[in-house]
Amino acid sequence: MRVKCVICDKVENIDNESMIAKRLRNRPIHTYMCTECHDRIRDKTNARIESGNFRLYRSRPEKDEW
């Protein structure tokens, strides 16, 4: 299966029977990111976390009215 990275537009071939290919076929909203882009984002995110300037904003679970 030919896939295109959403960040760098690099075209790659992946195995048709892989889990990534199955997810892309069955759920079109999922997008593909090449390993270089994935690693770069992971490294930069980890560097921001270590610097202390990274805040993860999560929504609070709503309390019951009861």
PDB file of N, CA and C in Angstrom:
ATOM      1  N   MET A   1       0.852  -1.168   0.000  1.00  0.00           N
ATOM      2  CA  MET A   1       0.000   0.000   0.000  1.00  0.00           C
ATOM      3  C   MET A   1       0.901   1.234   0.000  1.00  0.00           C
ATOM      4  N   ARG A   2       0.592   2.169  -0.846  1.00  0.00           N
ATOM      5  CA  ARG A   2       1.350   3.429  -0.901  1.00  0.00           C
ATOM      6  C   ARG A   2       0.670   4.443  -0.003  1.00  0.00           C
ATOM      7  N   VAL A   3       1.474   5.082   0.832  1.00  0.00           N
ATOM      8  CA  VAL A   3       0.956   6.089   1.755  1.00  0.00           C
ATOM      9  C   VAL A   3       1.816   7.333   1.660  1.00  0.00           C
ATOM     10  N   LYS A   4       1.229   8.458   2.061  1.00  0.00           N
ATOM     11  CA  LYS A   4       1.924   9.735   2.000  1.00  0.00           C
ATOM     12  C   LYS A   4       1.909  10.376   3.378  1.00  0.00           C
ATOM     13  N   CYS A   5       3.067  10.828   3.832  1.00  0.00           N
ATOM     14  CA  CYS A   5       3.184  11.482   5.135  1.00  0.00           C
ATOM     15  C   CYS A   5       2.448  12.823   5.080  1.00  0.00           C
ATOM     16  N   VAL A   6       1.689  13.120   6.139  1.00  0.00           N
ATOM     17  CA  VAL A   6       0.915  14.352   6.158  1.00  0.00           C
ATOM     18  C   VAL A   6       1.771  15.582   6.429  1.00  0.00           C
ATOM     19  N   ILE A   7       2.976  15.389   6.952  1.00  0.00           N
ATOM     20  CA  ILE A   7       3.833  16.523   7.280  1.00  0.00           C
ATOM     21  C   ILE A   7       4.811  16.836   6.156  1.00  0.00           C
ATOM     22  N   CYS A   8       5.570  15.833   5.716  1.00  0.00           N
ATOM     23  CA  CYS A   8       6.632  16.104   4.745  1.00  0.00           C
ATOM     24  C   CYS A   8       6.277  15.668   3.326  1.00  0.00           C
ATOM     25  N   ASP A   9       5.120  15.074   3.101  1.00  0.00           N
ATOM     26  CA  ASP A   9       4.637  14.625   1.784  1.00  0.00           C
ATOM     27  C   ASP A   9       5.531  13.569   1.150  1.00  0.00           C
ATOM     28  N   LYS A  10       6.237  12.801   1.964  1.00  0.00           N
ATOM     29  CA  LYS A  10       7.068  11.704   1.461  1.00  0.00           C
ATOM     30  C   LYS A  10       6.183  10.482   1.226  1.00  0.00           C
ATOM     31  N   VAL A  11       6.323   9.859   0.063  1.00  0.00           N
ATOM     32  CA  VAL A  11       5.530   8.690  -0.282  1.00  0.00           C
ATOM     33  C   VAL A  11       6.328   7.439   0.072  1.00  0.00           C
ATOM     34  N   GLU A  12       5.671   6.511   0.793  1.00  0.00           N
ATOM     35  CA  GLU A  12       6.305   5.266   1.206  1.00  0.00           C
ATOM     36  C   GLU A  12       5.391   4.103   0.890  1.00  0.00           C
ATOM     37  N   ASN A  13       5.972   2.919   0.862  1.00  0.00           N
ATOM     38  CA  ASN A  13       5.213   1.685   0.702  1.00  0.00           C
ATOM     39  C   ASN A  13       5.192   0.952   2.032  1.00  0.00           C
ATOM     40  N   ILE A  14       3.995   0.538   2.453  1.00  0.00           N
ATOM     41  CA  ILE A  14       3.878  -0.277   3.657  1.00  0.00           C
ATOM     42  C   ILE A  14       3.186  -1.577   3.289  1.00  0.00           C
ATOM     43  N   ASP A  15       3.348  -2.563   4.140  1.00  0.00           N
ATOM     44  CA  ASP A  15       2.760  -3.880   3.905  1.00  0.00           C
ATOM     45  C   ASP A  15       1.237  -3.785   3.964  1.00  0.00           C
ATOM     46  N   ASN A  16       0.560  -4.417   3.026  1.00  0.00           N
ATOM     47  CA  ASN A  16      -0.903  -4.382   2.975  1.00  0.00           C
ATOM     48  C   ASN A  16      -1.545  -5.058   4.175  1.00  0.00           C
ATOM     49  N   GLU A  17      -0.842  -5.995   4.803  1.00  0.00           N
ATOM     50  CA  GLU A  17      -1.398  -6.745   5.913  1.00  0.00           C
ATOM     51  C   GLU A  17      -1.037  -6.153   7.269  1.00  0.00           C
ATOM     52  N   SER A  18      -0.345  -5.027   7.315  1.00  0.00           N
ATOM     53  CA  SER A  18       0.066  -4.444   8.590  1.00  0.00           C
ATOM     54  C   SER A  18      -1.119  -3.761   9.274  1.00  0.00           C
ATOM     55  N   MET A  19      -0.959  -3.522  10.586  1.00  0.00           N
ATOM     56  CA  MET A  19      -2.021  -2.860  11.340  1.00  0.00           C
ATOM     57  C   MET A  19      -2.217  -1.417  10.886  1.00  0.00           C
ATOM     58  N   ILE A  20      -1.146  -0.755  10.506  1.00  0.00           N
ATOM     59  CA  ILE A  20      -1.256   0.631  10.031  1.00  0.00           C
ATOM     60  C   ILE A  20      -2.090   0.690   8.762  1.00  0.00           C
ATOM     61  N   ALA A  21      -1.840  -0.235   7.841  1.00  0.00           N
ATOM     62  CA  ALA A  21      -2.601  -0.266   6.591  1.00  0.00           C
ATOM     63  C   ALA A  21      -4.076  -0.561   6.857  1.00  0.00           C
ATOM     64  N   LYS A  22      -4.335  -1.476   7.793  1.00  0.00           N
ATOM     65  CA  LYS A  22      -5.720  -1.803   8.121  1.00  0.00           C
ATOM     66  C   LYS A  22      -6.434  -0.590   8.711  1.00  0.00           C
ATOM     67  N   ARG A  23      -5.766   0.143   9.602  1.00  0.00           N
ATOM     68  CA  ARG A  23      -6.386   1.334  10.194  1.00  0.00           C
ATOM     69  C   ARG A  23      -6.672   2.393   9.138  1.00  0.00           C
ATOM     70  N   LEU A  24      -5.742   2.568   8.204  1.00  0.00           N
ATOM     71  CA  LEU A  24      -5.944   3.578   7.162  1.00  0.00           C
ATOM     72  C   LEU A  24      -7.084   3.190   6.222  1.00  0.00           C
ATOM     73  N   ARG A  25      -7.240   1.909   5.946  1.00  0.00           N
ATOM     74  CA  ARG A  25      -8.322   1.466   5.072  1.00  0.00           C
ATOM     75  C   ARG A  25      -9.675   1.570   5.748  1.00  0.00           C
ATOM     76  N   ASN A  26      -9.755   1.151   7.008  1.00  0.00           N
ATOM     77  CA  ASN A  26     -11.046   1.065   7.680  1.00  0.00           C
ATOM     78  C   ASN A  26     -11.504   2.378   8.306  1.00  0.00           C
ATOM     79  N   ARG A  27     -10.565   3.248   8.636  1.00  0.00           N
ATOM     80  CA  ARG A  27     -10.913   4.529   9.245  1.00  0.00           C
ATOM     81  C   ARG A  27     -10.217   5.644   8.465  1.00  0.00           C
ATOM     82  N   PRO A  28     -10.878   6.209   7.490  1.00  0.00           N
ATOM     83  CA  PRO A  28     -10.227   7.195   6.629  1.00  0.00           C
ATOM     84  C   PRO A  28      -9.772   8.458   7.349  1.00  0.00           C
ATOM     85  N   ILE A  29     -10.270   8.719   8.547  1.00  0.00           N
ATOM     86  CA  ILE A  29      -9.854   9.923   9.255  1.00  0.00           C
ATOM     87  C   ILE A  29      -8.437   9.774   9.808  1.00  0.00           C
ATOM     88  N   HIS A  30      -7.960   8.550   9.974  1.00  0.00           N
ATOM     89  CA  HIS A  30      -6.594   8.337  10.439  1.00  0.00           C
ATOM     90  C   HIS A  30      -5.622   8.762   9.344  1.00  0.00           C
ATOM     91  N   THR A  31      -4.517   9.358   9.744  1.00  0.00           N
ATOM     92  CA  THR A  31      -3.529   9.816   8.785  1.00  0.00           C
ATOM     93  C   THR A  31      -2.204   9.118   9.044  1.00  0.00           C
ATOM     94  N   TYR A  32      -1.334   9.119   8.051  1.00  0.00           N
ATOM     95  CA  TYR A  32      -0.044   8.448   8.139  1.00  0.00           C
ATOM     96  C   TYR A  32       1.057   9.484   8.352  1.00  0.00           C
ATOM     97  N   MET A  33       1.989   9.151   9.243  1.00  0.00           N
ATOM     98  CA  MET A  33       3.155   9.990   9.479  1.00  0.00           C
ATOM     99  C   MET A  33       4.381   9.088   9.395  1.00  0.00           C
ATOM    100  N   CYS A  34       5.379   9.502   8.599  1.00  0.00           N
ATOM    101  CA  CYS A  34       6.581   8.692   8.430  1.00  0.00           C
ATOM    102  C   CYS A  34       7.365   8.627   9.734  1.00  0.00           C
ATOM    103  N   THR A  35       8.274   7.684   9.842  1.00  0.00           N
ATOM    104  CA  THR A  35       9.019   7.477  11.084  1.00  0.00           C
ATOM    105  C   THR A  35       9.924   8.662  11.402  1.00  0.00           C
ATOM    106  N   GLU A  36      10.484   9.322  10.383  1.00  0.00           N
ATOM    107  CA  GLU A  36      11.352  10.471  10.634  1.00  0.00           C
ATOM    108  C   GLU A  36      10.566  11.610  11.279  1.00  0.00           C
ATOM    109  N   CYS A  37       9.391  11.903  10.761  1.00  0.00           N
ATOM    110  CA  CYS A  37       8.562  12.975  11.330  1.00  0.00           C
ATOM    111  C   CYS A  37       8.074  12.584  12.723  1.00  0.00           C
ATOM    112  N   HIS A  38       7.671  11.337  12.893  1.00  0.00           N
ATOM    113  CA  HIS A  38       7.205  10.867  14.189  1.00  0.00           C
ATOM    114  C   HIS A  38       8.310  10.984  15.236  1.00  0.00           C
ATOM    115  N   ASP A  39       9.526  10.574  14.890  1.00  0.00           N
ATOM    116  CA  ASP A  39      10.655  10.654  15.817  1.00  0.00           C
ATOM    117  C   ASP A  39      11.014  12.100  16.132  1.00  0.00           C
ATOM    118  N   ARG A  40      10.962  12.966  15.126  1.00  0.00           N
ATOM    119  CA  ARG A  40      11.290  14.372  15.343  1.00  0.00           C
ATOM    120  C   ARG A  40      10.290  15.023  16.299  1.00  0.00           C
ATOM    121  N   ILE A  41       9.013  14.764  16.131  1.00  0.00           N
ATOM    122  CA  ILE A  41       7.992  15.319  17.009  1.00  0.00           C
ATOM    123  C   ILE A  41       8.143  14.762  18.420  1.00  0.00           C
ATOM    124  N   ARG A  42       8.416  13.456  18.536  1.00  0.00           N
ATOM    125  CA  ARG A  42       8.609  12.846  19.847  1.00  0.00           C
ATOM    126  C   ARG A  42       9.790  13.476  20.578  1.00  0.00           C
ATOM    127  N   ASP A  43      10.915  13.667  19.880  1.00  0.00           N
ATOM    128  CA  ASP A  43      12.106  14.235  20.504  1.00  0.00           C
ATOM    129  C   ASP A  43      11.879  15.678  20.950  1.00  0.00           C
ATOM    130  N   LYS A  44      11.223  16.471  20.110  1.00  0.00           N
ATOM    131  CA  LYS A  44      10.969  17.869  20.473  1.00  0.00           C
ATOM    132  C   LYS A  44       9.973  17.975  21.622  1.00  0.00           C
ATOM    133  N   THR A  45       8.984  17.109  21.663  1.00  0.00           N
ATOM    134  CA  THR A  45       8.018  17.117  22.756  1.00  0.00           C
ATOM    135  C   THR A  45       8.697  16.728  24.063  1.00  0.00           C
ATOM    136  N   ASN A  46       9.533  15.700  24.026  1.00  0.00           N
ATOM    137  CA  ASN A  46      10.247  15.287  25.235  1.00  0.00           C
ATOM    138  C   ASN A  46      11.185  16.384  25.717  1.00  0.00           C
ATOM    139  N   ALA A  47      11.817  17.113  24.803  1.00  0.00           N
ATOM    140  CA  ALA A  47      12.694  18.218  25.193  1.00  0.00           C
ATOM    141  C   ALA A  47      11.891  19.332  25.866  1.00  0.00           C
ATOM    142  N   ARG A  48      10.677  19.625  25.370  1.00  0.00           N
ATOM    143  CA  ARG A  48       9.831  20.645  25.996  1.00  0.00           C
ATOM    144  C   ARG A  48       9.356  20.200  27.372  1.00  0.00           C
ATOM    145  N   ILE A  49       9.038  18.922  27.520  1.00  0.00           N
ATOM    146  CA  ILE A  49       8.611  18.407  28.823  1.00  0.00           C
ATOM    147  C   ILE A  49       9.743  18.545  29.835  1.00  0.00           C
ATOM    148  N   GLU A  50      10.954  18.198  29.429  1.00  0.00           N
ATOM    149  CA  GLU A  50      12.104  18.283  30.331  1.00  0.00           C
ATOM    150  C   GLU A  50      12.461  19.721  30.687  1.00  0.00           C
ATOM    151  N   SER A  51      12.166  20.668  29.804  1.00  0.00           N
ATOM    152  CA  SER A  51      12.497  22.062  30.084  1.00  0.00           C
ATOM    153  C   SER A  51      11.546  22.684  31.104  1.00  0.00           C
ATOM    154  N   GLY A  52      10.392  22.078  31.315  1.00  0.00           N
ATOM    155  CA  GLY A  52       9.425  22.607  32.270  1.00  0.00           C
ATOM    156  C   GLY A  52       8.449  23.593  31.668  1.00  0.00           C
ATOM    157  N   ASN A  53       8.534  23.882  30.390  1.00  0.00           N
ATOM    158  CA  ASN A  53       7.643  24.841  29.734  1.00  0.00           C
ATOM    159  C   ASN A  53       6.470  24.163  29.033  1.00  0.00           C
ATOM    160  N   PHE A  54       6.207  22.925  29.364  1.00  0.00           N
ATOM    161  CA  PHE A  54       5.164  22.159  28.694  1.00  0.00           C
ATOM    162  C   PHE A  54       4.038  21.889  29.676  1.00  0.00           C
ATOM    163  N   ARG A  55       2.833  22.278  29.320  1.00  0.00           N
ATOM    164  CA  ARG A  55       1.667  21.980  30.136  1.00  0.00           C
ATOM    165  C   ARG A  55       0.691  21.194  29.300  1.00  0.00           C
ATOM    166  N   LEU A  56       0.230  20.096  29.845  1.00  0.00           N
ATOM    167  CA  LEU A  56      -0.752  19.270  29.171  1.00  0.00           C
ATOM    168  C   LEU A  56      -2.124  19.643  29.709  1.00  0.00           C
ATOM    169  N   TYR A  57      -2.945  20.248  28.871  1.00  0.00           N
ATOM    170  CA  TYR A  57      -4.273  20.676  29.279  1.00  0.00           C
ATOM    171  C   TYR A  57      -5.259  19.556  28.994  1.00  0.00           C
ATOM    172  N   ARG A  58      -5.869  19.083  30.047  1.00  0.00           N
ATOM    173  CA  ARG A  58      -6.887  18.047  29.918  1.00  0.00           C
ATOM    174  C   ARG A  58      -8.187  18.595  30.475  1.00  0.00           C
ATOM    175  N   SER A  59      -9.277  18.170  29.891  1.00  0.00           N
ATOM    176  CA  SER A  59     -10.558  18.636  30.389  1.00  0.00           C
ATOM    177  C   SER A  59     -10.891  17.867  31.660  1.00  0.00           C
ATOM    178  N   ARG A  60     -11.561  18.558  32.563  1.00  0.00           N
ATOM    179  CA  ARG A  60     -11.966  17.926  33.806  1.00  0.00           C
ATOM    180  C   ARG A  60     -13.191  17.065  33.561  1.00  0.00           C
ATOM    181  N   PRO A  61     -13.257  15.944  34.235  1.00  0.00           N
ATOM    182  CA  PRO A  61     -14.487  15.152  34.117  1.00  0.00           C
ATOM    183  C   PRO A  61     -15.635  15.891  34.805  1.00  0.00           C
ATOM    184  N   GLU A  62     -16.747  15.936  34.150  1.00  0.00           N
ATOM    185  CA  GLU A  62     -17.878  16.661  34.710  1.00  0.00           C
ATOM    186  C   GLU A  62     -18.481  15.873  35.868  1.00  0.00           C
ATOM    187  N   LYS A  63     -18.845  16.587  36.915  1.00  0.00           N
ATOM    188  CA  LYS A  63     -19.451  15.957  38.094  1.00  0.00           C
ATOM    189  C   LYS A  63     -20.937  15.775  37.852  1.00  0.00           C
ATOM    190  N   ASP A  64     -21.448  14.756  38.490  1.00  0.00           N
ATOM    191  CA  ASP A  64     -22.889  14.506  38.383  1.00  0.00           C
ATOM    192  C   ASP A  64     -23.651  15.588  39.115  1.00  0.00           C
ATOM    193  N   GLU A  65     -24.826  15.901  38.647  1.00  0.00           N
ATOM    194  CA  GLU A  65     -25.706  16.880  39.264  1.00  0.00           C
ATOM    195  C   GLU A  65     -26.358  16.318  40.512  1.00  0.00           C
ATOM    196  N   TRP A  66     -26.315  15.018  40.703  1.00  0.00           N
ATOM    197  CA  TRP A  66     -27.028  14.374  41.797  1.00  0.00           C
ATOM    198  C   TRP A  66     -26.340  14.606  43.050  1.00  0.00           C
TER     199      TRP A  66
END
